[in-house]
Amino acid sequence: MEWVVMSVIWGGLMLYFIIPFHKNSEAPISVSSLRPAVKVSLQRVTFHRKFLLAMVLLILTCIAIWYSYKDLAWYNEAHGVPQNFNAIEALPFYLAGVTLYAMLIYIVVVVKRAFFYMKKQV
């Protein structure tokens, strides 16, 4: 249950860091179709200061997961814990899950902003 709470908190932090400030989210004048709106949205969402902090958060999260699972594997080996759960085998799945979750949040923000830019011009 605590992983649900942690994923909601982590996702909220990613959203805060990915979504640009209001002054950076203004749409250009001529956005009328989906493809230019997505290009503008990608540019506005990706190239701002807070996005760098989102990438740092993702990298630090992956490093923390990697170290914790390596430490858990060492602890189990050092203390003779039965191998019911192999932490090293589960590690790539957790890292891929966190990365995919961050990419999903990023894609949702980009698409939502693109639709906002299109709606704003109509």
N, C-alpha and C. Protein backbone atom coordinates (compact mmCIF):
# COMPACT_ATOMS: atom_id res chain seq x y z
N MET A 1 0.81 -1.20 0.00
CA MET A 1 0.00 0.00 0.00
C MET A 1 0.86 1.26 0.00
N GLU A 2 2.01 1.18 0.66
CA GLU A 2 2.85 2.38 0.71
C GLU A 2 3.46 2.70 -0.65
N TRP A 3 3.59 1.71 -1.53
CA TRP A 3 4.12 2.00 -2.86
C TRP A 3 3.14 2.84 -3.68
N VAL A 4 1.84 2.71 -3.39
CA VAL A 4 0.85 3.53 -4.08
C VAL A 4 0.99 4.99 -3.65
N VAL A 5 1.14 5.21 -2.37
CA VAL A 5 1.31 6.57 -1.85
C VAL A 5 2.60 7.18 -2.39
N MET A 6 3.68 6.39 -2.40
CA MET A 6 4.95 6.91 -2.90
C MET A 6 4.88 7.22 -4.40
N SER A 7 4.17 6.39 -5.17
CA SER A 7 4.07 6.67 -6.60
C SER A 7 3.23 7.92 -6.87
N VAL A 8 2.21 8.17 -6.05
CA VAL A 8 1.40 9.38 -6.21
C VAL A 8 2.24 10.61 -5.85
N ILE A 9 3.00 10.54 -4.78
CA ILE A 9 3.85 11.67 -4.38
C ILE A 9 4.93 11.91 -5.42
N TRP A 10 5.57 10.85 -5.88
CA TRP A 10 6.63 10.98 -6.88
C TRP A 10 6.06 11.52 -8.19
N GLY A 11 4.89 11.04 -8.58
CA GLY A 11 4.24 11.53 -9.79
C GLY A 11 3.87 13.00 -9.68
N GLY A 12 3.42 13.42 -8.50
CA GLY A 12 3.12 14.84 -8.28
C GLY A 12 4.35 15.70 -8.40
N LEU A 13 5.46 15.23 -7.86
CA LEU A 13 6.71 15.98 -8.00
C LEU A 13 7.15 16.05 -9.46
N MET A 14 7.00 14.95 -10.18
CA MET A 14 7.36 14.97 -11.60
C MET A 14 6.47 15.95 -12.37
N LEU A 15 5.18 15.95 -12.06
CA LEU A 15 4.28 16.89 -12.72
C LEU A 15 4.69 18.33 -12.43
N TYR A 16 5.03 18.61 -11.18
CA TYR A 16 5.44 19.97 -10.82
C TYR A 16 6.68 20.38 -11.61
N PHE A 17 7.64 19.47 -11.74
CA PHE A 17 8.87 19.81 -12.43
C PHE A 17 8.72 19.82 -13.95
N ILE A 18 7.80 19.04 -14.50
CA ILE A 18 7.64 18.98 -15.95
C ILE A 18 6.81 20.14 -16.48
N ILE A 19 5.76 20.51 -15.77
CA ILE A 19 4.88 21.58 -16.25
C ILE A 19 5.60 22.93 -16.11
N PRO A 20 5.74 23.68 -17.23
CA PRO A 20 6.45 24.96 -17.16
C PRO A 20 5.64 26.02 -16.41
N PHE A 21 6.34 27.07 -16.02
CA PHE A 21 5.65 28.20 -15.41
C PHE A 21 4.69 28.82 -16.40
N HIS A 22 3.76 29.60 -15.91
CA HIS A 22 2.71 30.17 -16.77
C HIS A 22 3.27 31.03 -17.90
N LYS A 23 4.31 31.80 -17.61
CA LYS A 23 4.85 32.68 -18.65
C LYS A 23 5.53 31.90 -19.77
N ASN A 24 5.99 30.66 -19.50
CA ASN A 24 6.62 29.84 -20.53
C ASN A 24 5.62 29.02 -21.32
N SER A 25 4.38 28.99 -20.90
CA SER A 25 3.41 28.10 -21.54
C SER A 25 2.52 28.82 -22.55
N GLU A 26 2.81 30.05 -22.86
CA GLU A 26 1.98 30.78 -23.81
C GLU A 26 2.15 30.20 -25.21
N ALA A 27 1.06 30.12 -25.94
CA ALA A 27 1.08 29.54 -27.27
C ALA A 27 1.43 30.60 -28.31
N PRO A 28 2.09 30.18 -29.37
CA PRO A 28 2.32 31.12 -30.46
C PRO A 28 1.01 31.42 -31.19
N ILE A 29 1.06 32.36 -32.10
CA ILE A 29 -0.17 32.83 -32.73
C ILE A 29 -0.76 31.83 -33.72
N SER A 30 0.05 31.13 -34.49
CA SER A 30 -0.48 30.31 -35.58
C SER A 30 -0.41 28.81 -35.30
N VAL A 31 -1.15 28.31 -34.35
CA VAL A 31 -1.23 26.88 -34.09
C VAL A 31 -2.65 26.45 -34.42
N SER A 32 -2.80 25.74 -35.54
CA SER A 32 -4.15 25.37 -35.96
C SER A 32 -4.37 23.88 -36.09
N SER A 33 -3.30 23.09 -36.25
CA SER A 33 -3.46 21.64 -36.37
C SER A 33 -2.66 20.93 -35.30
N LEU A 34 -2.81 19.61 -35.25
CA LEU A 34 -2.23 18.83 -34.16
C LEU A 34 -0.70 18.76 -34.23
N ARG A 35 -0.15 18.53 -35.40
CA ARG A 35 1.30 18.35 -35.53
C ARG A 35 2.08 19.59 -35.08
N PRO A 36 1.76 20.79 -35.55
CA PRO A 36 2.49 21.96 -35.03
C PRO A 36 2.23 22.21 -33.55
N ALA A 37 1.03 21.88 -33.09
CA ALA A 37 0.73 22.07 -31.67
C ALA A 37 1.57 21.14 -30.81
N VAL A 38 1.77 19.90 -31.27
CA VAL A 38 2.61 18.97 -30.51
C VAL A 38 4.07 19.42 -30.54
N LYS A 39 4.54 19.92 -31.68
CA LYS A 39 5.92 20.41 -31.75
C LYS A 39 6.14 21.57 -30.80
N VAL A 40 5.20 22.51 -30.79
CA VAL A 40 5.32 23.66 -29.89
C VAL A 40 5.23 23.20 -28.44
N SER A 41 4.34 22.27 -28.17
CA SER A 41 4.18 21.75 -26.81
C SER A 41 5.45 21.04 -26.34
N LEU A 42 6.04 20.22 -27.22
CA LEU A 42 7.31 19.56 -26.87
C LEU A 42 8.39 20.57 -26.55
N GLN A 43 8.46 21.62 -27.36
CA GLN A 43 9.47 22.64 -27.14
C GLN A 43 9.23 23.38 -25.82
N ARG A 44 7.99 23.75 -25.56
CA ARG A 44 7.69 24.52 -24.35
C ARG A 44 7.82 23.67 -23.09
N VAL A 45 7.47 22.40 -23.17
CA VAL A 45 7.53 21.54 -21.98
C VAL A 45 8.96 21.08 -21.71
N THR A 46 9.75 20.87 -22.75
CA THR A 46 11.08 20.31 -22.57
C THR A 46 12.14 21.36 -22.23
N PHE A 47 12.08 22.51 -22.84
CA PHE A 47 13.16 23.48 -22.69
C PHE A 47 12.78 24.58 -21.70
N HIS A 48 12.81 24.23 -20.43
CA HIS A 48 12.68 25.21 -19.36
C HIS A 48 13.48 24.71 -18.18
N ARG A 49 13.67 25.56 -17.19
CA ARG A 49 14.57 25.23 -16.09
C ARG A 49 14.10 24.08 -15.21
N LYS A 50 12.81 24.00 -14.98
CA LYS A 50 12.31 22.97 -14.07
C LYS A 50 12.42 21.57 -14.67
N PHE A 51 12.46 21.46 -16.00
CA PHE A 51 12.57 20.15 -16.62
C PHE A 51 13.90 19.49 -16.28
N LEU A 52 14.95 20.28 -16.13
CA LEU A 52 16.24 19.74 -15.71
C LEU A 52 16.12 19.11 -14.32
N LEU A 53 15.36 19.74 -13.44
CA LEU A 53 15.15 19.17 -12.11
C LEU A 53 14.35 17.87 -12.17
N ALA A 54 13.44 17.77 -13.13
CA ALA A 54 12.69 16.52 -13.31
C ALA A 54 13.64 15.39 -13.72
N MET A 55 14.58 15.69 -14.60
CA MET A 55 15.54 14.67 -15.03
C MET A 55 16.46 14.29 -13.87
N VAL A 56 16.86 15.25 -13.06
CA VAL A 56 17.68 14.95 -11.89
C VAL A 56 16.90 14.07 -10.92
N LEU A 57 15.61 14.37 -10.73
CA LEU A 57 14.76 13.54 -9.86
C LEU A 57 14.67 12.11 -10.38
N LEU A 58 14.51 11.95 -11.68
CA LEU A 58 14.43 10.62 -12.27
C LEU A 58 15.74 9.86 -12.10
N ILE A 59 16.85 10.52 -12.34
CA ILE A 59 18.16 9.87 -12.20
C ILE A 59 18.43 9.49 -10.75
N LEU A 60 18.14 10.40 -9.82
CA LEU A 60 18.34 10.09 -8.40
C LEU A 60 17.44 8.96 -7.93
N THR A 61 16.23 8.90 -8.45
CA THR A 61 15.32 7.81 -8.09
C THR A 61 15.85 6.48 -8.60
N CYS A 62 16.33 6.46 -9.83
CA CYS A 62 16.89 5.21 -10.37
C CYS A 62 18.14 4.78 -9.61
N ILE A 63 18.98 5.72 -9.24
CA ILE A 63 20.17 5.39 -8.45
C ILE A 63 19.78 4.85 -7.08
N ALA A 64 18.78 5.47 -6.45
CA ALA A 64 18.34 5.01 -5.13
C ALA A 64 17.75 3.61 -5.21
N ILE A 65 16.97 3.33 -6.24
CA ILE A 65 16.41 1.98 -6.41
C ILE A 65 17.52 0.97 -6.63
N TRP A 66 18.47 1.33 -7.49
CA TRP A 66 19.57 0.42 -7.78
C TRP A 66 20.38 0.10 -6.53
N TYR A 67 20.77 1.14 -5.76
CA TYR A 67 21.54 0.90 -4.55
C TYR A 67 20.75 0.11 -3.51
N SER A 68 19.48 0.39 -3.36
CA SER A 68 18.70 -0.32 -2.34
C SER A 68 18.56 -1.80 -2.69
N TYR A 69 18.37 -2.12 -3.96
CA TYR A 69 18.25 -3.53 -4.34
C TYR A 69 19.59 -4.24 -4.31
N LYS A 70 20.66 -3.57 -4.65
CA LYS A 70 22.00 -4.16 -4.50
C LYS A 70 22.31 -4.40 -3.02
N ASP A 71 21.94 -3.45 -2.17
CA ASP A 71 22.16 -3.60 -0.73
C ASP A 71 21.30 -4.73 -0.17
N LEU A 72 20.07 -4.86 -0.63
CA LEU A 72 19.20 -5.95 -0.18
C LEU A 72 19.77 -7.30 -0.59
N ALA A 73 20.31 -7.40 -1.79
CA ALA A 73 20.93 -8.65 -2.24
C ALA A 73 22.16 -8.98 -1.39
N TRP A 74 22.98 -7.97 -1.09
CA TRP A 74 24.15 -8.19 -0.24
C TRP A 74 23.74 -8.62 1.16
N TYR A 75 22.73 -7.96 1.71
CA TYR A 75 22.24 -8.30 3.06
C TYR A 75 21.74 -9.74 3.10
N ASN A 76 20.96 -10.14 2.10
CA ASN A 76 20.44 -11.50 2.08
C ASN A 76 21.56 -12.52 1.98
N GLU A 77 22.58 -12.21 1.20
CA GLU A 77 23.70 -13.14 1.06
C GLU A 77 24.54 -13.18 2.33
N ALA A 78 24.77 -12.02 2.95
CA ALA A 78 25.62 -11.96 4.14
C ALA A 78 24.97 -12.59 5.36
N HIS A 79 23.66 -12.56 5.45
CA HIS A 79 22.98 -13.06 6.64
C HIS A 79 22.29 -14.40 6.42
N GLY A 80 22.49 -14.99 5.27
CA GLY A 80 21.95 -16.32 5.02
C GLY A 80 20.44 -16.37 4.90
N VAL A 81 19.86 -15.33 4.35
CA VAL A 81 18.42 -15.31 4.15
C VAL A 81 18.09 -16.23 2.97
N PRO A 82 17.07 -17.06 3.11
CA PRO A 82 16.71 -17.94 1.99
C PRO A 82 16.35 -17.13 0.73
N GLN A 83 16.66 -17.68 -0.41
CA GLN A 83 16.48 -16.97 -1.68
C GLN A 83 15.05 -17.12 -2.21
N ASN A 84 14.06 -16.70 -1.44
CA ASN A 84 12.68 -16.69 -1.92
C ASN A 84 12.45 -15.57 -2.91
N PHE A 85 13.16 -14.48 -2.72
CA PHE A 85 13.02 -13.30 -3.58
C PHE A 85 14.42 -12.85 -3.97
N ASN A 86 14.71 -12.90 -5.26
CA ASN A 86 16.00 -12.45 -5.74
C ASN A 86 15.89 -10.99 -6.17
N ALA A 87 16.50 -10.11 -5.40
CA ALA A 87 16.38 -8.67 -5.64
C ALA A 87 17.05 -8.25 -6.94
N ILE A 88 18.13 -8.92 -7.29
CA ILE A 88 18.86 -8.55 -8.50
C ILE A 88 18.02 -8.84 -9.75
N GLU A 89 17.23 -9.91 -9.73
CA GLU A 89 16.38 -10.22 -10.88
C GLU A 89 15.22 -9.25 -11.02
N ALA A 90 14.73 -8.69 -9.93
CA ALA A 90 13.60 -7.76 -9.96
C ALA A 90 14.03 -6.33 -10.27
N LEU A 91 15.30 -6.02 -10.12
CA LEU A 91 15.81 -4.66 -10.29
C LEU A 91 15.50 -4.06 -11.67
N PRO A 92 15.75 -4.73 -12.78
CA PRO A 92 15.44 -4.10 -14.08
C PRO A 92 13.97 -3.77 -14.26
N PHE A 93 13.09 -4.57 -13.69
CA PHE A 93 11.66 -4.30 -13.81
C PHE A 93 11.26 -3.04 -13.06
N TYR A 94 11.82 -2.85 -11.88
CA TYR A 94 11.52 -1.63 -11.12
C TYR A 94 12.08 -0.39 -11.80
N LEU A 95 13.30 -0.48 -12.31
CA LEU A 95 13.89 0.65 -13.02
C LEU A 95 13.11 0.98 -14.28
N ALA A 96 12.71 -0.04 -15.03
CA ALA A 96 11.92 0.19 -16.23
C ALA A 96 10.55 0.75 -15.87
N GLY A 97 9.96 0.30 -14.79
CA GLY A 97 8.66 0.81 -14.37
C GLY A 97 8.71 2.28 -14.00
N VAL A 98 9.72 2.68 -13.27
CA VAL A 98 9.86 4.09 -12.89
C VAL A 98 10.10 4.96 -14.13
N THR A 99 10.93 4.48 -15.03
CA THR A 99 11.21 5.24 -16.25
C THR A 99 9.97 5.36 -17.13
N LEU A 100 9.24 4.27 -17.28
CA LEU A 100 8.01 4.32 -18.09
C LEU A 100 6.95 5.21 -17.45
N TYR A 101 6.87 5.20 -16.12
CA TYR A 101 5.93 6.07 -15.42
C TYR A 101 6.27 7.54 -15.67
N ALA A 102 7.56 7.88 -15.62
CA ALA A 102 7.99 9.25 -15.90
C ALA A 102 7.71 9.63 -17.35
N MET A 103 7.96 8.71 -18.27
CA MET A 103 7.68 9.00 -19.68
C MET A 103 6.19 9.17 -19.92
N LEU A 104 5.37 8.37 -19.25
CA LEU A 104 3.92 8.50 -19.39
C LEU A 104 3.44 9.86 -18.90
N ILE A 105 3.96 10.30 -17.77
CA ILE A 105 3.60 11.62 -17.25
C ILE A 105 4.02 12.71 -18.23
N TYR A 106 5.23 12.59 -18.79
CA TYR A 106 5.73 13.58 -19.74
C TYR A 106 4.86 13.61 -20.99
N ILE A 107 4.52 12.46 -21.54
CA ILE A 107 3.71 12.40 -22.76
C ILE A 107 2.32 12.97 -22.51
N VAL A 108 1.73 12.66 -21.36
CA VAL A 108 0.40 13.20 -21.05
C VAL A 108 0.45 14.72 -20.95
N VAL A 109 1.48 15.27 -20.34
CA VAL A 109 1.60 16.73 -20.23
C VAL A 109 1.76 17.36 -21.62
N VAL A 110 2.59 16.76 -22.47
CA VAL A 110 2.81 17.30 -23.82
C VAL A 110 1.52 17.28 -24.63
N VAL A 111 0.81 16.16 -24.62
CA VAL A 111 -0.42 16.05 -25.40
C VAL A 111 -1.51 16.98 -24.87
N LYS A 112 -1.62 17.06 -23.56
CA LYS A 112 -2.64 17.95 -22.98
C LYS A 112 -2.35 19.40 -23.35
N ARG A 113 -1.08 19.80 -23.31
CA ARG A 113 -0.72 21.16 -23.69
C ARG A 113 -0.96 21.41 -25.16
N ALA A 114 -0.72 20.41 -25.99
CA ALA A 114 -0.95 20.57 -27.43
C ALA A 114 -2.43 20.81 -27.70
N PHE A 115 -3.29 20.05 -27.04
CA PHE A 115 -4.72 20.28 -27.20
C PHE A 115 -5.14 21.64 -26.66
N PHE A 116 -4.50 22.08 -25.58
CA PHE A 116 -4.78 23.40 -25.03
C PHE A 116 -4.38 24.49 -26.03
N TYR A 117 -3.23 24.32 -26.68
CA TYR A 117 -2.79 25.30 -27.66
C TYR A 117 -3.74 25.35 -28.86
N MET A 118 -4.22 24.20 -29.29
CA MET A 118 -5.16 24.17 -30.41
C MET A 118 -6.49 24.80 -30.02
N LYS A 119 -6.97 24.49 -28.83
CA LYS A 119 -8.25 25.02 -28.36
C LYS A 119 -8.17 26.54 -28.15
N LYS A 120 -7.03 27.01 -27.71
CA LYS A 120 -6.84 28.43 -27.45
C LYS A 120 -6.93 29.25 -28.74
N GLN A 121 -6.51 28.68 -29.84
CA GLN A 121 -6.49 29.43 -31.11
C GLN A 121 -7.82 29.38 -31.85
N VAL A 122 -8.69 28.44 -31.53
CA VAL A 122 -9.95 28.30 -32.26
C VAL A 122 -10.98 29.27 -31.77
